[in-house]
Amino acid sequence: MRPHSELLAASVGLALASGFDGVVSSHGEQVRRNAKIPHKKRHLRLAALRELEEYGITDCTEHNFILAGRVLAKFKKDEFAKPGKYGRLTVDMSTTASLLGYLIKPYLVAFGQDFRCAHGYCSSLVKADRSSLRVCFQRALVENAFYFKGDDNFFRVLTSEGPLYGNGDLATCDISQGASVMMFLIHITPPQYKCVMKALVDQLSSPMEYGTRGSKLRFSPVDYVEYSGSVLTTLLNNVASLCIGVQIMAIDYSNMTIADAKIAIRNCLDHSGWNVTVDFVDNFEQLTFLKHNPVYTEVGEVDAIANLGMLLRAIGQCVGDYPGRGSFELRAYLFNCALVASMQHCGDHALHDALRQRFPDVVEINHSALDKFRSISGTDIGRVPLHSLCKRYNIDVAEILHLIDLMLQGEWSIDCAATRAIMSRDYNL
């Protein structure tokens, strides 16, 4: 992280100074506000807040209590749809620690500025909505850029032979972060919030316990560790991604061939200090960012849509039994109807039309919940022709039309050239 570190600290720190403007000075008030924000764990946060109030703690600077307790680990098994990805530990950092999450937003905004480098710029996606993704892809079409969000990123550089596009990912990011990244966050934090940031960073050196009462293992780290359950995970990954992006954008590729540019980027990543995987792609449509990819509409505008692999993989997937009453077939049908009706971010194209025809928007599904989802999903800016979809997956229009025919015939298990190409590109299956 040494190259450009002072420049990064100055740039992020300056943005943070303005980002914290308007944030109330009372840490305790921010803790209370954060606990009441709508969230799937809101009831746990409110319970943790009540516990703090029972102990008479009103200010999160008393972090010895806020972050008290053990770091409890659980084992996450290998995933069926991700071959080769081994099982790993996830940890519970306590609900009281998540109450300090109010501190995160100004950092995310600061990372969202354009960090101008010698031969391009780097920027983080602050809000992962469809309109923001669309802007990322539109800008990357015309200028050298490195976009990131946590450990996910993509880039575009211009060579003497034309543009080179690539998708990047910080592999095993949790275990590859070093103490310097944690110290960087403390260094750039405004003085009045350093106590909070230090409390969160100190938690990353806490002992971890795994097992049950009868058989328990205790691990004491010798240095800071990026535990997967920390509220700092996205920020730490943002720091790593920004450092990598700045190094890539410091190189002049204009006189290089595409082959030489690939070598230069791989060499840059090999010396970055992180384990970074990169997939150089054949065309613009094969870029992937946060499970979305760029497409061209019929009038030539660039739009962002969800990967087709995500669309196909979601059909029929439910945690537990299908909700509702009636036969299994009826509940599965209504579940898929609601699922397809919610897919507002999947684009306006013939494959989506076929899914809507197969699973129509029927009156039995919960439209009030769908309306809330649609309000945040964004809208299409134009019809997407099939050839733009096919370019991403290197398939012919005839092959995707064959998939559409199979879907409309009522097939449940479909194995054809199009599905194999889609799942290979989007999930490496």
Protein backbone atom coordinates (compact mmCIF):
# COMPACT_ATOMS: atom_id res chain seq x y z
CA MET A 1 0.00 0.00 0.00
CA ARG A 2 3.03 2.28 0.16
CA PRO A 3 2.79 3.72 -3.38
CA HIS A 4 0.53 6.78 -3.47
CA SER A 5 -0.44 6.30 0.21
CA GLU A 6 0.00 9.95 1.18
CA LEU A 7 -1.98 11.09 -1.87
CA LEU A 8 -4.76 8.65 -1.02
CA ALA A 9 -4.82 9.73 2.62
CA ALA A 10 -5.05 13.39 1.63
CA SER A 11 -7.75 12.80 -1.00
CA VAL A 12 -9.96 10.54 1.11
CA GLY A 13 -9.39 12.62 4.24
CA LEU A 14 -10.44 15.82 2.47
CA ALA A 15 -13.63 14.18 1.21
CA LEU A 16 -14.32 12.79 4.68
CA ALA A 17 -14.05 16.22 6.26
CA SER A 18 -16.94 17.44 4.12
CA GLY A 19 -18.76 14.11 4.41
CA PHE A 20 -18.98 14.44 8.19
CA ASP A 21 -20.43 17.96 7.95
CA GLY A 22 -23.89 17.91 9.43
CA VAL A 23 -23.31 14.73 11.46
CA VAL A 24 -24.38 15.46 15.03
CA SER A 25 -21.60 15.59 17.58
CA SER A 26 -23.31 13.19 20.02
CA HIS A 27 -22.16 9.64 19.34
CA GLY A 28 -24.96 8.33 21.52
CA GLU A 29 -27.61 10.08 19.42
CA GLN A 30 -26.16 8.54 16.27
CA VAL A 31 -26.21 5.09 17.90
CA ARG A 32 -29.89 5.50 18.75
CA ARG A 33 -30.75 6.68 15.23
CA ASN A 34 -28.87 3.80 13.64
CA ALA A 35 -30.69 1.25 15.80
CA LYS A 36 -34.08 2.45 14.53
CA ILE A 37 -33.29 2.39 10.78
CA PRO A 38 -35.45 -0.21 8.93
CA HIS A 39 -33.32 -3.34 8.60
CA LYS A 40 -33.79 -7.10 8.84
CA LYS A 41 -31.86 -7.02 12.15
CA ARG A 42 -33.63 -3.96 13.50
CA HIS A 43 -35.21 -5.88 16.39
CA LEU A 44 -31.77 -7.16 17.46
CA ARG A 45 -30.29 -3.66 17.30
CA LEU A 46 -33.12 -2.22 19.36
CA ALA A 47 -32.61 -4.98 21.95
CA ALA A 48 -28.89 -4.16 22.09
CA LEU A 49 -29.70 -0.47 22.49
CA ARG A 50 -32.04 -1.22 25.41
CA GLU A 51 -29.26 -3.24 27.02
CA LEU A 52 -26.89 -0.28 26.73
CA GLU A 53 -29.47 2.07 28.23
CA GLU A 54 -30.06 -0.35 31.12
CA TYR A 55 -26.36 -0.10 31.92
CA GLY A 56 -26.57 3.69 31.71
CA ILE A 57 -24.30 3.90 28.65
CA THR A 58 -25.32 6.78 26.39
CA ASP A 59 -22.14 7.48 24.47
CA CYS A 60 -20.39 5.00 22.21
CA THR A 61 -16.97 6.28 23.27
CA GLU A 62 -17.37 3.86 26.16
CA HIS A 63 -16.41 1.21 23.65
CA ASN A 64 -15.02 -1.25 26.18
CA PHE A 65 -18.64 -2.18 26.84
CA ILE A 66 -20.00 -1.53 23.36
CA LEU A 67 -17.60 -4.07 21.89
CA ALA A 68 -17.42 -6.38 24.91
CA GLY A 69 -17.84 -10.12 24.53
CA ARG A 70 -16.21 -12.76 22.42
CA VAL A 71 -15.89 -13.05 18.68
CA LEU A 72 -17.87 -16.20 17.95
CA ALA A 73 -17.09 -18.16 14.79
CA LYS A 74 -19.30 -20.39 12.67
CA PHE A 75 -18.33 -22.63 9.79
CA LYS A 76 -19.89 -21.90 6.40
CA LYS A 77 -19.82 -25.02 4.26
CA ASP A 78 -18.73 -25.07 0.65
CA GLU A 79 -21.48 -24.02 -1.73
CA PHE A 80 -22.96 -26.36 -4.33
CA ALA A 81 -23.13 -23.67 -7.03
CA LYS A 82 -19.54 -22.51 -6.43
CA PRO A 83 -17.29 -25.48 -7.17
CA GLY A 84 -13.79 -25.16 -5.82
CA LYS A 85 -14.75 -22.58 -3.20
CA TYR A 86 -13.81 -24.11 0.12
CA GLY A 87 -15.69 -23.78 3.41
CA ARG A 88 -14.76 -20.83 5.58
CA LEU A 89 -15.34 -19.27 8.97
CA THR A 90 -17.83 -16.45 9.50
CA VAL A 91 -17.99 -14.60 12.78
CA ASP A 92 -20.49 -12.83 15.00
CA MET A 93 -18.99 -9.51 16.11
CA SER A 94 -21.97 -8.70 18.41
CA THR A 95 -25.01 -6.58 17.66
CA THR A 96 -23.73 -3.70 19.78
CA ALA A 97 -20.81 -3.32 17.37
CA SER A 98 -23.26 -2.94 14.46
CA LEU A 99 -24.77 0.06 16.26
CA LEU A 100 -21.64 1.95 15.29
CA GLY A 101 -22.50 1.47 11.62
CA TYR A 102 -23.57 5.12 11.36
CA LEU A 103 -19.88 5.95 10.99
CA ILE A 104 -19.62 4.07 7.68
CA LYS A 105 -21.74 6.20 5.32
CA PRO A 106 -19.42 9.29 5.15
CA TYR A 107 -16.54 6.98 4.21
CA LEU A 108 -18.56 5.37 1.41
CA VAL A 109 -19.41 8.83 0.06
CA ALA A 110 -15.74 9.85 0.24
CA PHE A 111 -14.65 6.78 -1.72
CA GLY A 112 -17.27 7.65 -4.33
CA GLN A 113 -15.40 10.72 -5.58
CA ASP A 114 -13.25 10.54 -8.72
CA PHE A 115 -9.65 9.83 -7.73
CA ARG A 116 -7.79 11.27 -10.71
CA CYS A 117 -4.63 9.38 -11.58
CA ALA A 118 -1.97 9.90 -14.26
CA HIS A 119 -3.86 7.94 -16.93
CA GLY A 120 -7.44 7.53 -15.70
CA TYR A 121 -9.55 7.69 -12.59
CA CYS A 122 -10.82 5.40 -9.81
CA SER A 123 -14.20 5.64 -8.12
CA SER A 124 -16.36 3.57 -5.81
CA LEU A 125 -20.06 3.05 -6.34
CA VAL A 126 -21.74 4.76 -3.39
CA LYS A 127 -25.26 3.55 -4.08
CA ALA A 128 -25.61 0.21 -5.85
CA ASP A 129 -28.77 1.08 -7.76
CA ARG A 130 -29.38 0.56 -11.44
CA SER A 131 -29.05 4.19 -12.50
CA SER A 132 -25.64 4.44 -10.79
CA LEU A 133 -24.48 1.22 -12.45
CA ARG A 134 -25.63 2.61 -15.79
CA VAL A 135 -23.50 5.73 -15.32
CA CYS A 136 -20.45 3.59 -14.41
CA PHE A 137 -20.72 1.61 -17.63
CA GLN A 138 -21.44 4.69 -19.75
CA ARG A 139 -18.36 6.51 -18.45
CA ALA A 140 -16.12 3.46 -18.75
CA LEU A 141 -17.04 3.21 -22.42
CA VAL A 142 -15.25 6.47 -23.26
CA GLU A 143 -12.42 6.93 -20.73
CA ASN A 144 -9.93 4.93 -18.68
CA ALA A 145 -11.64 3.99 -15.43
CA PHE A 146 -11.46 1.62 -12.46
CA TYR A 147 -14.76 1.17 -10.61
CA PHE A 148 -15.06 -0.75 -7.36
CA LYS A 149 -17.44 -1.61 -4.55
CA GLY A 150 -15.85 -3.55 -1.71
CA ASP A 151 -13.93 -6.44 -3.26
CA ASP A 152 -15.70 -6.30 -6.65
CA ASN A 153 -14.31 -4.17 -9.49
CA PHE A 154 -13.97 -3.69 -13.23
CA PHE A 155 -11.75 -1.51 -15.40
CA ARG A 156 -11.19 -0.17 -18.89
CA VAL A 157 -7.91 1.07 -20.37
CA LEU A 158 -7.18 2.26 -23.90
CA THR A 159 -4.30 0.59 -25.76
CA SER A 160 -2.85 1.21 -29.21
CA GLU A 161 -5.12 -1.56 -30.50
CA GLY A 162 -8.29 -0.35 -28.82
CA PRO A 163 -9.92 -0.67 -25.39
CA LEU A 164 -9.09 -3.49 -22.97
CA TYR A 165 -11.77 -4.48 -20.45
CA GLY A 166 -11.41 -6.61 -17.35
CA ASN A 167 -13.34 -7.85 -14.32
CA GLY A 168 -11.46 -8.03 -11.03
CA ASP A 169 -12.03 -9.54 -7.62
CA LEU A 170 -10.10 -9.56 -4.37
CA ALA A 171 -9.78 -13.28 -3.67
CA THR A 172 -9.72 -14.38 0.00
CA CYS A 173 -9.85 -10.68 0.83
CA ASP A 174 -10.66 -11.21 4.52
CA ILE A 175 -7.42 -13.05 5.19
CA SER A 176 -5.17 -10.95 2.95
CA GLN A 177 -5.69 -7.58 4.65
CA GLY A 178 -2.86 -6.32 6.83
CA ALA A 179 -2.62 -3.98 9.79
CA SER A 180 -1.60 -1.07 7.51
CA VAL A 181 -5.10 -0.98 5.99
CA MET A 182 -6.69 -0.72 9.46
CA MET A 183 -4.24 2.00 10.45
CA PHE A 184 -5.10 3.87 7.24
CA LEU A 185 -8.76 4.08 8.31
CA ILE A 186 -7.79 5.48 11.71
CA HIS A 187 -5.36 7.92 10.08
CA ILE A 188 -7.97 9.49 7.78
CA THR A 189 -10.75 9.66 10.38
CA PRO A 190 -11.60 13.16 11.70
CA PRO A 191 -10.36 13.70 15.29
CA GLN A 192 -13.79 13.66 16.94
CA TYR A 193 -14.51 10.19 15.49
CA LYS A 194 -11.14 8.52 15.94
CA CYS A 195 -12.25 6.93 19.22
CA VAL A 196 -15.11 5.16 17.42
CA MET A 197 -12.96 3.99 14.52
CA LYS A 198 -10.25 2.81 16.92
CA ALA A 199 -12.85 0.81 18.86
CA LEU A 200 -13.97 -0.95 15.69
CA VAL A 201 -10.38 -1.60 14.56
CA ASP A 202 -9.38 -2.89 18.01
CA GLN A 203 -12.15 -5.47 17.75
CA LEU A 204 -10.24 -6.98 14.82
CA SER A 205 -7.53 -8.16 17.21
CA SER A 206 -9.97 -9.80 19.66
CA PRO A 207 -9.73 -13.56 20.38
CA MET A 208 -12.07 -15.81 18.39
CA GLU A 209 -13.88 -18.84 19.77
CA TYR A 210 -15.25 -21.76 17.78
CA GLY A 211 -17.22 -24.78 18.95
CA THR A 212 -19.68 -25.69 21.70
CA ARG A 213 -19.43 -25.68 25.47
CA GLY A 214 -18.15 -29.23 25.54
CA SER A 215 -15.49 -28.69 22.89
CA LYS A 216 -14.31 -25.19 22.20
CA LEU A 217 -11.26 -23.73 20.48
CA ARG A 218 -9.91 -20.27 21.22
CA PHE A 219 -7.71 -18.42 18.72
CA SER A 220 -5.76 -15.30 19.70
CA PRO A 221 -4.51 -13.37 16.65
CA VAL A 222 -1.00 -11.98 16.73
CA ASP A 223 -2.05 -9.04 14.54
CA TYR A 224 -5.21 -7.43 13.18
CA VAL A 225 -7.52 -9.76 11.25
CA GLU A 226 -10.39 -8.74 8.99
CA TYR A 227 -13.12 -10.83 10.58
CA SER A 228 -15.90 -11.41 8.07
CA GLY A 229 -18.62 -10.07 10.38
CA SER A 230 -17.02 -6.67 11.00
CA VAL A 231 -18.92 -3.51 10.06
CA LEU A 232 -15.62 -2.32 8.58
CA THR A 233 -15.50 -5.05 5.90
CA THR A 234 -16.69 -2.89 3.00
CA LEU A 235 -14.42 0.01 4.01
CA LEU A 236 -11.34 -2.20 4.32
CA ASN A 237 -12.07 -3.76 0.95
CA ASN A 238 -12.60 -0.29 -0.52
CA VAL A 239 -9.15 0.78 0.68
CA ALA A 240 -7.59 -2.31 -0.92
CA SER A 241 -9.49 -1.83 -4.19
CA LEU A 242 -8.61 1.86 -4.36
CA CYS A 243 -4.91 1.13 -3.87
CA ILE A 244 -5.04 -1.47 -6.65
CA GLY A 245 -6.98 0.84 -8.97
CA VAL A 246 -4.56 3.73 -8.46
CA GLN A 247 -1.64 1.49 -9.42
CA ILE A 248 -3.42 0.29 -12.59
CA MET A 249 -4.38 3.83 -13.61
CA ALA A 250 -0.80 5.08 -13.05
CA ILE A 251 0.35 3.24 -16.20
CA ASP A 252 0.25 4.68 -19.72
CA TYR A 253 -1.22 2.01 -22.00
CA SER A 254 -1.66 4.16 -25.09
CA ASN A 255 1.46 2.82 -26.83
CA MET A 256 1.00 -0.79 -25.71
CA THR A 257 -0.61 -3.66 -27.56
CA ILE A 258 -3.46 -5.43 -25.80
CA ALA A 259 -1.16 -8.36 -25.02
CA ASP A 260 1.45 -6.05 -23.45
CA ALA A 261 -1.22 -4.20 -21.47
CA LYS A 262 -2.44 -7.50 -20.01
CA ILE A 263 1.11 -8.35 -18.93
CA ALA A 264 1.55 -4.89 -17.35
CA ILE A 265 -1.71 -5.18 -15.41
CA ARG A 266 -0.98 -8.71 -14.21
CA ASN A 267 2.48 -7.60 -13.07
CA CYS A 268 0.89 -4.66 -11.26
CA LEU A 269 -1.60 -6.94 -9.49
CA ASP A 270 1.09 -9.48 -8.56
CA HIS A 271 2.98 -6.71 -6.72
CA SER A 272 -0.06 -5.02 -5.18
CA GLY A 273 0.06 -6.88 -1.87
CA TRP A 274 -3.33 -8.52 -2.38
CA ASN A 275 -4.46 -11.71 -4.08
CA VAL A 276 -6.37 -10.30 -7.05
CA THR A 277 -8.02 -12.37 -9.75
CA VAL A 278 -8.62 -10.71 -13.12
CA ASP A 279 -10.65 -11.83 -16.11
CA PHE A 280 -9.79 -9.97 -19.30
CA VAL A 281 -12.93 -10.05 -21.44
CA ASP A 282 -13.50 -9.95 -25.18
CA ASN A 283 -15.97 -7.08 -25.36
CA PHE A 284 -17.78 -4.33 -23.46
CA GLU A 285 -20.89 -6.44 -22.79
CA GLN A 286 -18.82 -9.03 -20.91
CA LEU A 287 -18.02 -6.60 -18.10
CA THR A 288 -19.58 -7.63 -14.79
CA PHE A 289 -20.11 -5.41 -11.77
CA LEU A 290 -22.26 -6.33 -8.79
CA LYS A 291 -24.02 -9.04 -10.84
CA HIS A 292 -24.92 -6.54 -13.59
CA ASN A 293 -23.56 -6.05 -17.08
CA PRO A 294 -23.82 -3.37 -19.79
CA VAL A 295 -26.02 -3.78 -22.87
CA TYR A 296 -26.99 -1.59 -25.80
CA THR A 297 -30.63 -0.69 -26.34
CA GLU A 298 -32.24 -0.64 -29.76
CA VAL A 299 -31.44 3.07 -30.09
CA GLY A 300 -27.78 2.59 -29.09
CA GLU A 301 -27.90 3.76 -25.46
CA VAL A 302 -25.95 1.92 -22.77
CA ASP A 303 -28.05 0.35 -20.02
CA ALA A 304 -27.22 -1.87 -17.03
CA ILE A 305 -29.17 -5.08 -16.49
CA ALA A 306 -28.86 -8.03 -14.10
CA ASN A 307 -26.86 -10.96 -15.45
CA LEU A 308 -29.06 -13.51 -17.22
CA GLY A 309 -27.48 -16.21 -15.07
CA MET A 310 -28.90 -14.59 -11.95
CA LEU A 311 -32.31 -14.38 -13.62
CA LEU A 312 -32.37 -18.07 -14.57
CA ARG A 313 -30.79 -19.33 -11.36
CA ALA A 314 -33.35 -17.55 -9.18
CA ILE A 315 -36.36 -19.39 -10.63
CA GLY A 316 -37.72 -21.85 -8.11
CA GLN A 317 -35.09 -21.05 -5.47
CA CYS A 318 -36.65 -20.63 -2.04
CA VAL A 319 -35.24 -20.92 1.48
CA GLY A 320 -37.41 -23.55 3.14
CA ASP A 321 -40.82 -24.53 1.83
CA TYR A 322 -42.76 -22.43 -0.67
CA PRO A 323 -45.03 -19.96 1.16
CA GLY A 324 -48.82 -19.97 1.05
CA ARG A 325 -51.44 -22.71 1.01
CA GLY A 326 -52.47 -25.34 -1.46
CA SER A 327 -50.61 -27.96 -3.45
CA PHE A 328 -46.88 -27.89 -3.97
CA GLU A 329 -47.38 -27.15 -7.66
CA LEU A 330 -49.66 -24.18 -6.98
CA ARG A 331 -47.36 -22.67 -4.34
CA ALA A 332 -44.32 -23.11 -6.60
CA TYR A 333 -46.19 -21.47 -9.47
CA LEU A 334 -47.30 -18.45 -7.40
CA PHE A 335 -43.83 -18.10 -5.90
CA ASN A 336 -42.27 -17.94 -9.36
CA CYS A 337 -44.96 -15.50 -10.55
CA ALA A 338 -44.06 -13.13 -7.69
CA LEU A 339 -40.35 -13.65 -8.33
CA VAL A 340 -40.60 -12.78 -12.02
CA ALA A 341 -42.85 -9.79 -11.26
CA SER A 342 -40.13 -8.44 -8.94
CA MET A 343 -37.37 -8.65 -11.58
CA GLN A 344 -37.48 -5.00 -12.54
CA HIS A 345 -33.70 -4.77 -12.91
CA CYS A 346 -33.40 -7.57 -15.47
CA GLY A 347 -34.01 -5.50 -18.60
CA ASP A 348 -36.64 -5.29 -21.32
CA HIS A 349 -35.89 -8.11 -23.77
CA ALA A 350 -37.39 -11.24 -25.31
CA LEU A 351 -36.07 -13.65 -22.65
CA HIS A 352 -37.66 -11.60 -19.90
CA ASP A 353 -40.89 -11.51 -21.93
CA ALA A 354 -40.88 -15.31 -22.05
CA LEU A 355 -40.48 -15.55 -18.29
CA ARG A 356 -43.36 -13.13 -17.79
CA GLN A 357 -45.51 -15.21 -20.14
CA ARG A 358 -44.59 -18.41 -18.32
CA PHE A 359 -45.15 -16.87 -14.87
CA PRO A 360 -47.58 -13.95 -15.28
CA ASP A 361 -48.36 -11.19 -12.78
CA VAL A 362 -51.42 -12.82 -11.19
CA VAL A 363 -53.75 -11.28 -8.60
CA GLU A 364 -52.82 -13.81 -5.89
CA ILE A 365 -49.34 -12.38 -5.29
CA ASN A 366 -48.53 -9.58 -2.80
CA HIS A 367 -48.53 -6.47 -4.98
CA SER A 368 -48.00 -4.03 -2.10
CA ALA A 369 -44.60 -5.58 -1.41
CA LEU A 370 -43.79 -5.61 -5.12
CA ASP A 371 -44.63 -1.91 -5.46
CA LYS A 372 -42.09 -1.06 -2.75
CA PHE A 373 -39.45 -3.12 -4.52
CA ARG A 374 -40.21 -1.59 -7.90
CA SER A 375 -39.79 1.92 -6.50
CA ILE A 376 -36.11 1.24 -5.73
CA SER A 377 -35.26 -1.05 -8.66
CA GLY A 378 -34.98 1.54 -11.40
CA THR A 379 -36.57 1.46 -14.83
CA ASP A 380 -35.53 0.38 -18.30
CA ILE A 381 -34.34 3.10 -20.67
CA GLY A 382 -35.06 1.08 -23.79
CA ARG A 383 -35.66 -2.28 -25.41
CA VAL A 384 -32.57 -4.55 -25.50
CA PRO A 385 -32.13 -6.51 -28.76
CA LEU A 386 -31.19 -10.18 -28.50
CA HIS A 387 -27.88 -9.70 -30.33
CA SER A 388 -26.65 -7.45 -27.49
CA LEU A 389 -27.47 -10.19 -24.95
CA CYS A 390 -25.83 -12.84 -27.15
CA LYS A 391 -22.58 -10.89 -27.47
CA ARG A 392 -21.93 -11.26 -23.74
CA TYR A 393 -22.28 -15.05 -23.91
CA ASN A 394 -20.75 -15.66 -27.36
CA ILE A 395 -23.90 -17.39 -28.61
CA ASP A 396 -26.11 -16.97 -31.66
CA VAL A 397 -29.57 -15.44 -31.60
CA ALA A 398 -30.94 -18.82 -32.76
CA GLU A 399 -29.57 -20.44 -29.57
CA ILE A 400 -31.27 -18.01 -27.24
CA LEU A 401 -34.51 -18.32 -29.25
CA HIS A 402 -34.29 -22.08 -28.70
CA LEU A 403 -34.05 -21.45 -24.94
CA ILE A 404 -37.12 -19.21 -25.12
CA ASP A 405 -39.07 -21.93 -26.97
CA LEU A 406 -38.18 -24.51 -24.29
CA MET A 407 -39.30 -22.12 -21.53
CA LEU A 408 -42.65 -21.47 -23.21
CA GLN A 409 -43.20 -25.20 -23.74
CA GLY A 410 -43.30 -25.60 -19.95
CA GLU A 411 -39.93 -27.31 -19.45
CA TRP A 412 -38.62 -27.17 -15.87
CA SER A 413 -35.14 -28.57 -16.34
CA ILE A 414 -33.51 -27.00 -19.37
CA ASP A 415 -30.05 -27.92 -20.64
CA CYS A 416 -29.18 -26.29 -23.94
CA ALA A 417 -26.35 -24.36 -25.55
CA ALA A 418 -27.69 -21.02 -24.26
CA THR A 419 -28.09 -22.10 -20.61
CA ARG A 420 -24.62 -23.66 -20.59
CA ALA A 421 -23.05 -20.48 -22.01
CA ILE A 422 -24.96 -18.24 -19.61
CA MET A 423 -24.07 -20.22 -16.48
CA SER A 424 -20.47 -20.56 -17.61
CA ARG A 425 -20.04 -16.80 -18.06
CA ASP A 426 -21.97 -15.69 -14.98
CA TYR A 427 -21.13 -18.48 -12.48
CA ASN A 428 -18.23 -20.44 -13.99
CA LEU A 429 -20.45 -23.53 -14.01
